[in-house]
N, C-alpha and C. Protein backbone atom coordinates (compact mmCIF):
# COMPACT_ATOMS: atom_id res chain seq x y z
N MET A 1 17.55 -86.09 -4.50
CA MET A 1 18.29 -86.10 -3.26
C MET A 1 17.51 -86.90 -2.23
N SER A 2 18.18 -87.82 -1.59
CA SER A 2 17.53 -88.67 -0.59
C SER A 2 17.16 -87.86 0.66
N LEU A 3 16.01 -88.17 1.19
CA LEU A 3 15.56 -87.53 2.43
C LEU A 3 15.53 -88.52 3.58
N ASP A 4 16.26 -89.61 3.46
CA ASP A 4 16.38 -90.58 4.55
C ASP A 4 17.35 -90.00 5.58
N MET A 5 16.82 -89.59 6.73
CA MET A 5 17.62 -88.92 7.75
C MET A 5 17.50 -89.64 9.09
N LYS A 6 18.50 -89.43 9.91
CA LYS A 6 18.44 -89.85 11.31
C LYS A 6 17.66 -88.77 12.06
N LEU A 7 17.18 -89.10 13.25
CA LEU A 7 16.33 -88.18 14.02
C LEU A 7 16.97 -86.82 14.25
N PRO A 8 18.22 -86.71 14.71
CA PRO A 8 18.78 -85.37 14.95
C PRO A 8 18.80 -84.49 13.69
N GLU A 9 19.16 -85.07 12.57
CA GLU A 9 19.21 -84.28 11.34
C GLU A 9 17.79 -83.87 10.92
N PHE A 10 16.84 -84.78 11.06
CA PHE A 10 15.45 -84.45 10.71
C PHE A 10 14.93 -83.30 11.57
N LEU A 11 15.15 -83.39 12.87
CA LEU A 11 14.68 -82.32 13.76
C LEU A 11 15.36 -81.00 13.44
N ALA A 12 16.65 -81.03 13.12
CA ALA A 12 17.35 -79.80 12.74
C ALA A 12 16.73 -79.20 11.48
N HIS A 13 16.40 -80.04 10.51
CA HIS A 13 15.73 -79.55 9.30
C HIS A 13 14.36 -78.95 9.63
N ALA A 14 13.59 -79.64 10.46
CA ALA A 14 12.24 -79.17 10.79
C ALA A 14 12.29 -77.83 11.53
N ILE A 15 13.23 -77.70 12.46
CA ILE A 15 13.38 -76.45 13.20
C ILE A 15 13.75 -75.32 12.24
N ALA A 16 14.69 -75.59 11.35
CA ALA A 16 15.10 -74.57 10.37
C ALA A 16 13.94 -74.19 9.46
N LEU A 17 13.19 -75.18 9.01
CA LEU A 17 12.06 -74.93 8.12
C LEU A 17 11.07 -73.97 8.77
N GLU A 18 10.69 -74.26 10.00
CA GLU A 18 9.71 -73.41 10.69
C GLU A 18 10.28 -72.04 11.03
N HIS A 19 11.56 -71.99 11.38
CA HIS A 19 12.20 -70.70 11.67
C HIS A 19 12.21 -69.82 10.42
N GLU A 20 12.61 -70.40 9.29
CA GLU A 20 12.66 -69.64 8.05
C GLU A 20 11.27 -69.17 7.63
N ALA A 21 10.28 -70.01 7.83
CA ALA A 21 8.91 -69.61 7.49
C ALA A 21 8.48 -68.41 8.32
N ALA A 22 8.72 -68.46 9.62
CA ALA A 22 8.34 -67.34 10.49
C ALA A 22 9.08 -66.07 10.09
N GLU A 23 10.36 -66.19 9.78
CA GLU A 23 11.14 -65.01 9.38
C GLU A 23 10.60 -64.41 8.09
N ARG A 24 10.28 -65.26 7.12
CA ARG A 24 9.76 -64.74 5.84
C ARG A 24 8.41 -64.07 6.05
N TYR A 25 7.52 -64.70 6.80
CA TYR A 25 6.21 -64.09 7.04
C TYR A 25 6.35 -62.78 7.82
N LEU A 26 7.28 -62.72 8.75
CA LEU A 26 7.50 -61.48 9.50
C LEU A 26 8.01 -60.38 8.56
N GLU A 27 8.93 -60.71 7.71
CA GLU A 27 9.45 -59.76 6.74
C GLU A 27 8.31 -59.23 5.85
N LEU A 28 7.47 -60.14 5.40
CA LEU A 28 6.34 -59.73 4.56
C LEU A 28 5.34 -58.87 5.33
N ALA A 29 5.07 -59.23 6.57
CA ALA A 29 4.14 -58.43 7.39
C ALA A 29 4.68 -57.02 7.58
N ASP A 30 5.95 -56.92 7.91
CA ASP A 30 6.56 -55.59 8.11
C ASP A 30 6.50 -54.77 6.82
N MET A 31 6.80 -55.40 5.70
CA MET A 31 6.77 -54.69 4.43
C MET A 31 5.35 -54.21 4.11
N MET A 32 4.37 -55.09 4.32
CA MET A 32 2.99 -54.70 4.02
C MET A 32 2.53 -53.56 4.94
N GLU A 33 2.96 -53.57 6.19
CA GLU A 33 2.63 -52.46 7.08
C GLU A 33 3.23 -51.16 6.57
N SER A 34 4.46 -51.23 6.05
CA SER A 34 5.10 -50.01 5.55
C SER A 34 4.34 -49.44 4.36
N TYR A 35 3.62 -50.28 3.63
CA TYR A 35 2.80 -49.84 2.50
C TYR A 35 1.36 -49.56 2.93
N ARG A 36 1.08 -49.67 4.22
CA ARG A 36 -0.26 -49.46 4.79
C ARG A 36 -1.27 -50.49 4.26
N ASN A 37 -0.77 -51.65 3.93
CA ASN A 37 -1.62 -52.76 3.51
C ASN A 37 -1.86 -53.61 4.77
N ASP A 38 -2.62 -53.04 5.69
CA ASP A 38 -2.75 -53.60 7.03
C ASP A 38 -3.47 -54.94 7.07
N GLU A 39 -4.43 -55.14 6.21
CA GLU A 39 -5.16 -56.42 6.21
C GLU A 39 -4.23 -57.58 5.84
N VAL A 40 -3.40 -57.38 4.82
CA VAL A 40 -2.46 -58.43 4.41
C VAL A 40 -1.37 -58.58 5.47
N ALA A 41 -0.93 -57.47 6.05
CA ALA A 41 0.07 -57.54 7.13
C ALA A 41 -0.45 -58.40 8.27
N SER A 42 -1.71 -58.23 8.60
CA SER A 42 -2.32 -59.02 9.68
C SER A 42 -2.35 -60.50 9.31
N THR A 43 -2.65 -60.81 8.07
CA THR A 43 -2.65 -62.20 7.60
C THR A 43 -1.26 -62.81 7.78
N PHE A 44 -0.24 -62.08 7.37
CA PHE A 44 1.12 -62.60 7.50
C PHE A 44 1.54 -62.70 8.97
N ARG A 45 1.07 -61.80 9.81
CA ARG A 45 1.39 -61.90 11.25
C ARG A 45 0.75 -63.17 11.85
N ASP A 46 -0.45 -63.51 11.38
CA ASP A 46 -1.05 -64.77 11.82
C ASP A 46 -0.17 -65.94 11.43
N MET A 47 0.38 -65.92 10.23
CA MET A 47 1.24 -67.00 9.76
C MET A 47 2.55 -67.05 10.57
N VAL A 48 3.05 -65.89 10.97
CA VAL A 48 4.24 -65.86 11.85
C VAL A 48 3.92 -66.61 13.13
N ARG A 49 2.79 -66.31 13.70
CA ARG A 49 2.38 -66.93 14.96
C ARG A 49 2.29 -68.46 14.82
N TYR A 50 1.66 -68.92 13.75
CA TYR A 50 1.52 -70.36 13.54
C TYR A 50 2.88 -71.03 13.34
N SER A 51 3.74 -70.39 12.57
CA SER A 51 5.08 -70.96 12.33
C SER A 51 5.89 -71.02 13.61
N ARG A 52 5.78 -69.99 14.42
CA ARG A 52 6.52 -69.99 15.69
C ARG A 52 6.00 -71.05 16.65
N LEU A 53 4.69 -71.25 16.67
CA LEU A 53 4.13 -72.31 17.53
C LEU A 53 4.65 -73.67 17.11
N HIS A 54 4.66 -73.92 15.81
CA HIS A 54 5.16 -75.21 15.33
C HIS A 54 6.65 -75.34 15.61
N HIS A 55 7.40 -74.27 15.37
CA HIS A 55 8.84 -74.26 15.67
C HIS A 55 9.09 -74.60 17.13
N ASP A 56 8.38 -73.92 18.02
CA ASP A 56 8.60 -74.12 19.46
C ASP A 56 8.24 -75.54 19.88
N SER A 57 7.21 -76.12 19.28
CA SER A 57 6.85 -77.49 19.65
C SER A 57 7.92 -78.48 19.18
N ILE A 58 8.55 -78.21 18.04
CA ILE A 58 9.62 -79.09 17.56
C ILE A 58 10.86 -78.93 18.43
N VAL A 59 11.18 -77.70 18.81
CA VAL A 59 12.32 -77.46 19.71
C VAL A 59 12.10 -78.21 21.02
N GLU A 60 10.89 -78.18 21.53
CA GLU A 60 10.57 -78.90 22.77
C GLU A 60 10.81 -80.40 22.60
N ARG A 61 10.39 -80.95 21.47
CA ARG A 61 10.61 -82.38 21.21
C ARG A 61 12.09 -82.72 21.11
N ALA A 62 12.88 -81.77 20.66
CA ALA A 62 14.31 -82.02 20.44
C ALA A 62 15.15 -81.88 21.70
N LYS A 63 14.53 -81.47 22.80
CA LYS A 63 15.29 -81.33 24.05
C LYS A 63 15.97 -82.65 24.39
N GLY A 64 17.25 -82.53 24.75
CA GLY A 64 18.01 -83.70 25.13
C GLY A 64 18.64 -84.44 23.96
N ILE A 65 18.38 -83.98 22.74
CA ILE A 65 18.97 -84.61 21.55
C ILE A 65 20.02 -83.66 21.00
N ALA A 66 21.21 -84.15 20.77
CA ALA A 66 22.28 -83.34 20.19
C ALA A 66 21.99 -83.15 18.70
N LEU A 67 21.60 -81.94 18.34
CA LEU A 67 21.28 -81.66 16.94
C LEU A 67 22.53 -81.22 16.19
N PRO A 68 22.66 -81.63 14.94
CA PRO A 68 23.82 -81.20 14.17
C PRO A 68 23.69 -79.74 13.76
N THR A 69 24.82 -79.10 13.57
CA THR A 69 24.84 -77.77 12.98
C THR A 69 24.89 -77.99 11.47
N ILE A 70 23.87 -77.51 10.81
CA ILE A 70 23.78 -77.72 9.36
C ILE A 70 24.01 -76.37 8.68
N ARG A 71 24.98 -76.33 7.82
CA ARG A 71 25.27 -75.12 7.04
C ARG A 71 24.25 -75.00 5.92
N SER A 72 24.07 -73.80 5.40
CA SER A 72 23.03 -73.54 4.40
C SER A 72 23.13 -74.49 3.20
N TRP A 73 24.32 -74.83 2.77
CA TRP A 73 24.48 -75.69 1.61
C TRP A 73 24.31 -77.17 1.94
N GLN A 74 24.15 -77.49 3.23
CA GLN A 74 24.01 -78.89 3.64
C GLN A 74 22.55 -79.32 3.80
N TYR A 75 21.63 -78.36 3.77
CA TYR A 75 20.22 -78.74 3.89
C TYR A 75 19.81 -79.56 2.67
N ARG A 76 18.81 -80.38 2.86
CA ARG A 76 18.36 -81.25 1.78
C ARG A 76 17.22 -80.60 0.99
N TRP A 77 17.40 -79.31 0.75
CA TRP A 77 16.50 -78.55 -0.11
C TRP A 77 17.28 -77.42 -0.73
N ARG A 78 16.77 -76.88 -1.82
CA ARG A 78 17.40 -75.70 -2.42
C ARG A 78 16.98 -74.47 -1.64
N ASN A 79 15.70 -74.37 -1.36
CA ASN A 79 15.13 -73.31 -0.54
C ASN A 79 14.24 -73.98 0.49
N PRO A 80 14.19 -73.42 1.70
CA PRO A 80 13.29 -74.03 2.69
C PRO A 80 11.87 -74.11 2.12
N PRO A 81 11.21 -75.24 2.32
CA PRO A 81 9.89 -75.44 1.70
C PRO A 81 8.85 -74.39 2.04
N GLU A 82 8.90 -73.78 3.21
CA GLU A 82 7.87 -72.81 3.56
C GLU A 82 8.27 -71.37 3.24
N VAL A 83 9.32 -71.22 2.47
CA VAL A 83 9.73 -69.88 2.05
C VAL A 83 9.45 -69.77 0.56
N GLY A 84 8.37 -69.11 0.24
CA GLY A 84 7.94 -69.00 -1.15
C GLY A 84 8.79 -68.02 -1.93
N GLY A 85 8.34 -67.76 -3.15
CA GLY A 85 9.06 -66.86 -4.05
C GLY A 85 8.85 -65.40 -3.71
N GLU A 86 9.26 -64.58 -4.63
CA GLU A 86 9.24 -63.13 -4.44
C GLU A 86 7.88 -62.50 -4.75
N GLU A 87 6.93 -63.30 -5.24
CA GLU A 87 5.65 -62.73 -5.66
C GLU A 87 4.90 -62.05 -4.52
N ALA A 88 5.18 -62.41 -3.29
CA ALA A 88 4.47 -61.81 -2.16
C ALA A 88 5.04 -60.45 -1.77
N PHE A 89 6.10 -60.03 -2.42
CA PHE A 89 6.70 -58.75 -2.08
C PHE A 89 6.11 -57.61 -2.90
N ASP A 90 4.93 -57.81 -3.43
CA ASP A 90 4.22 -56.80 -4.20
C ASP A 90 3.41 -55.95 -3.23
N PRO A 91 3.66 -54.64 -3.16
CA PRO A 91 2.93 -53.80 -2.21
C PRO A 91 1.43 -53.77 -2.43
N LYS A 92 0.99 -54.16 -3.63
CA LYS A 92 -0.45 -54.17 -3.93
C LYS A 92 -1.09 -55.53 -3.66
N LEU A 93 -0.34 -56.43 -3.07
CA LEU A 93 -0.85 -57.76 -2.78
C LEU A 93 -2.14 -57.66 -1.96
N ASP A 94 -3.15 -58.41 -2.36
CA ASP A 94 -4.40 -58.41 -1.61
C ASP A 94 -4.44 -59.63 -0.69
N THR A 95 -5.42 -59.64 0.20
CA THR A 95 -5.53 -60.70 1.20
C THR A 95 -5.68 -62.07 0.54
N TYR A 96 -6.48 -62.14 -0.51
CA TYR A 96 -6.70 -63.42 -1.17
C TYR A 96 -5.38 -63.99 -1.69
N GLU A 97 -4.59 -63.17 -2.36
CA GLU A 97 -3.32 -63.64 -2.91
C GLU A 97 -2.31 -63.94 -1.80
N ALA A 98 -2.35 -63.20 -0.71
CA ALA A 98 -1.47 -63.48 0.43
C ALA A 98 -1.79 -64.85 1.02
N LEU A 99 -3.08 -65.16 1.11
CA LEU A 99 -3.49 -66.46 1.62
C LEU A 99 -3.10 -67.58 0.65
N ARG A 100 -3.22 -67.33 -0.63
CA ARG A 100 -2.79 -68.34 -1.62
C ARG A 100 -1.29 -68.59 -1.51
N TYR A 101 -0.53 -67.52 -1.32
CA TYR A 101 0.92 -67.64 -1.15
C TYR A 101 1.23 -68.49 0.09
N ALA A 102 0.57 -68.18 1.20
CA ALA A 102 0.78 -68.94 2.43
C ALA A 102 0.39 -70.40 2.23
N ARG A 103 -0.71 -70.63 1.54
CA ARG A 103 -1.17 -72.00 1.29
C ARG A 103 -0.13 -72.79 0.51
N GLU A 104 0.43 -72.18 -0.52
CA GLU A 104 1.46 -72.88 -1.31
C GLU A 104 2.68 -73.21 -0.45
N ASN A 105 3.05 -72.31 0.44
CA ASN A 105 4.18 -72.58 1.35
C ASN A 105 3.87 -73.77 2.25
N GLU A 106 2.68 -73.77 2.82
CA GLU A 106 2.29 -74.86 3.71
C GLU A 106 2.20 -76.19 2.95
N LEU A 107 1.74 -76.12 1.72
CA LEU A 107 1.66 -77.33 0.90
C LEU A 107 3.05 -77.89 0.62
N ARG A 108 4.01 -77.01 0.31
CA ARG A 108 5.39 -77.48 0.08
C ARG A 108 5.96 -78.10 1.35
N ALA A 109 5.66 -77.53 2.51
CA ALA A 109 6.14 -78.10 3.77
C ALA A 109 5.53 -79.48 3.99
N LYS A 110 4.24 -79.60 3.73
CA LYS A 110 3.56 -80.90 3.85
C LYS A 110 4.22 -81.93 2.95
N GLU A 111 4.47 -81.54 1.72
CA GLU A 111 5.10 -82.46 0.76
C GLU A 111 6.51 -82.85 1.20
N PHE A 112 7.26 -81.90 1.77
CA PHE A 112 8.60 -82.21 2.26
C PHE A 112 8.51 -83.25 3.37
N TYR A 113 7.67 -82.99 4.36
CA TYR A 113 7.55 -83.94 5.47
C TYR A 113 7.03 -85.30 5.00
N ALA A 114 6.09 -85.29 4.06
CA ALA A 114 5.57 -86.56 3.54
C ALA A 114 6.66 -87.33 2.82
N GLN A 115 7.50 -86.63 2.08
CA GLN A 115 8.59 -87.30 1.38
C GLN A 115 9.60 -87.86 2.36
N VAL A 116 9.92 -87.10 3.42
CA VAL A 116 10.82 -87.62 4.45
C VAL A 116 10.21 -88.88 5.05
N GLY A 117 8.94 -88.83 5.38
CA GLY A 117 8.27 -89.99 5.95
C GLY A 117 8.32 -91.20 5.03
N ALA A 118 8.15 -90.97 3.75
CA ALA A 118 8.16 -92.07 2.78
C ALA A 118 9.55 -92.67 2.61
N GLU A 119 10.59 -91.85 2.77
CA GLU A 119 11.95 -92.32 2.53
C GLU A 119 12.69 -92.73 3.80
N ALA A 120 12.13 -92.39 4.96
CA ALA A 120 12.85 -92.62 6.22
C ALA A 120 13.03 -94.10 6.51
N GLY A 121 14.26 -94.45 6.84
CA GLY A 121 14.54 -95.80 7.28
C GLY A 121 14.34 -95.96 8.78
N ASP A 122 14.39 -94.85 9.48
CA ASP A 122 14.24 -94.81 10.93
C ASP A 122 12.74 -94.67 11.26
N ALA A 123 12.22 -95.58 12.06
CA ALA A 123 10.78 -95.59 12.37
C ALA A 123 10.34 -94.32 13.10
N GLU A 124 11.17 -93.80 13.99
CA GLU A 124 10.80 -92.58 14.73
C GLU A 124 10.75 -91.38 13.80
N VAL A 125 11.70 -91.27 12.88
CA VAL A 125 11.69 -90.19 11.90
C VAL A 125 10.45 -90.32 11.02
N ARG A 126 10.17 -91.54 10.57
CA ARG A 126 8.99 -91.76 9.73
C ARG A 126 7.73 -91.30 10.45
N SER A 127 7.59 -91.69 11.71
CA SER A 127 6.41 -91.33 12.49
C SER A 127 6.29 -89.82 12.67
N LEU A 128 7.39 -89.17 13.05
CA LEU A 128 7.36 -87.71 13.24
C LEU A 128 7.09 -86.99 11.93
N ALA A 129 7.74 -87.45 10.86
CA ALA A 129 7.54 -86.80 9.56
C ALA A 129 6.08 -86.92 9.13
N GLU A 130 5.49 -88.07 9.35
CA GLU A 130 4.07 -88.25 9.01
C GLU A 130 3.20 -87.35 9.87
N GLU A 131 3.55 -87.22 11.15
CA GLU A 131 2.80 -86.33 12.05
C GLU A 131 2.92 -84.88 11.59
N PHE A 132 4.16 -84.46 11.25
CA PHE A 132 4.36 -83.08 10.80
C PHE A 132 3.64 -82.83 9.47
N ALA A 133 3.65 -83.83 8.59
CA ALA A 133 2.93 -83.69 7.31
C ALA A 133 1.44 -83.52 7.57
N ALA A 134 0.91 -84.26 8.53
CA ALA A 134 -0.51 -84.13 8.88
C ALA A 134 -0.82 -82.75 9.44
N GLU A 135 0.10 -82.22 10.27
CA GLU A 135 -0.09 -80.86 10.81
C GLU A 135 -0.09 -79.84 9.69
N GLU A 136 0.84 -79.99 8.75
CA GLU A 136 0.89 -79.06 7.62
C GLU A 136 -0.37 -79.20 6.76
N ALA A 137 -0.89 -80.43 6.63
CA ALA A 137 -2.14 -80.63 5.89
C ALA A 137 -3.29 -79.88 6.57
N GLU A 138 -3.28 -79.86 7.91
CA GLU A 138 -4.28 -79.09 8.65
C GLU A 138 -4.15 -77.60 8.35
N HIS A 139 -2.90 -77.13 8.25
CA HIS A 139 -2.67 -75.72 7.92
C HIS A 139 -3.20 -75.42 6.51
N VAL A 140 -2.93 -76.34 5.57
CA VAL A 140 -3.43 -76.15 4.20
C VAL A 140 -4.95 -76.10 4.21
N GLN A 141 -5.59 -77.00 4.96
CA GLN A 141 -7.05 -77.00 5.03
C GLN A 141 -7.58 -75.72 5.67
N ALA A 142 -6.91 -75.26 6.73
CA ALA A 142 -7.33 -74.00 7.37
C ALA A 142 -7.22 -72.84 6.39
N LEU A 143 -6.15 -72.83 5.60
CA LEU A 143 -6.00 -71.77 4.60
C LEU A 143 -7.03 -71.91 3.49
N ASP A 144 -7.36 -73.14 3.11
CA ASP A 144 -8.42 -73.34 2.12
C ASP A 144 -9.75 -72.79 2.65
N ASP A 145 -10.03 -73.05 3.91
CA ASP A 145 -11.26 -72.54 4.52
C ASP A 145 -11.25 -71.01 4.55
N TRP A 146 -10.10 -70.44 4.91
CA TRP A 146 -9.94 -68.99 4.97
C TRP A 146 -10.11 -68.41 3.58
N LEU A 147 -9.51 -69.06 2.58
CA LEU A 147 -9.65 -68.59 1.20
C LEU A 147 -11.10 -68.60 0.75
N ALA A 148 -11.83 -69.64 1.15
CA ALA A 148 -13.25 -69.74 0.76
C ALA A 148 -14.08 -68.60 1.31
N ARG A 149 -13.66 -68.05 2.44
CA ARG A 149 -14.39 -66.94 3.07
C ARG A 149 -13.89 -65.57 2.61
N THR A 150 -12.81 -65.54 1.82
CA THR A 150 -12.18 -64.29 1.43
C THR A 150 -12.58 -63.92 0.02
N PRO A 151 -13.06 -62.70 -0.17
CA PRO A 151 -13.45 -62.28 -1.52
C PRO A 151 -12.25 -62.29 -2.48
N ARG A 152 -12.50 -62.77 -3.68
CA ARG A 152 -11.46 -62.72 -4.71
C ARG A 152 -11.34 -61.27 -5.19
N PRO A 153 -10.14 -60.91 -5.61
CA PRO A 153 -9.96 -59.53 -6.11
C PRO A 153 -10.70 -59.28 -7.42
């Protein structure tokens, strides 16, 4: 599927991606709290915060641009890149595995943005996609650093 998009469609995708990531991390944090897995809940709450910051910065950039309403079947992905699988819904999930899960989500987001940048015919979309891919790469690196400091189970 081609990822060559015009700016409004790209921004709508980016906003949705970050919104879905925050929602998934919030759901996971709430679930982990219900299981009294507070350390992992805290990790996921940190990821909620990061996703919301990125979401809000994209919304700010989109001010004044008429964004399309995209229905779930119209997105150029099967699942939003930062919404991982069901493996994180294990009540026994430890901090190390939660961080690995978050890292994989951030890596998929980076790859999505990089692919948009590579396929974009619009120079502004290409530039923003490359910038967003770089931001996601920073998140992946931060999670790698966090993983290095976290004891393996």
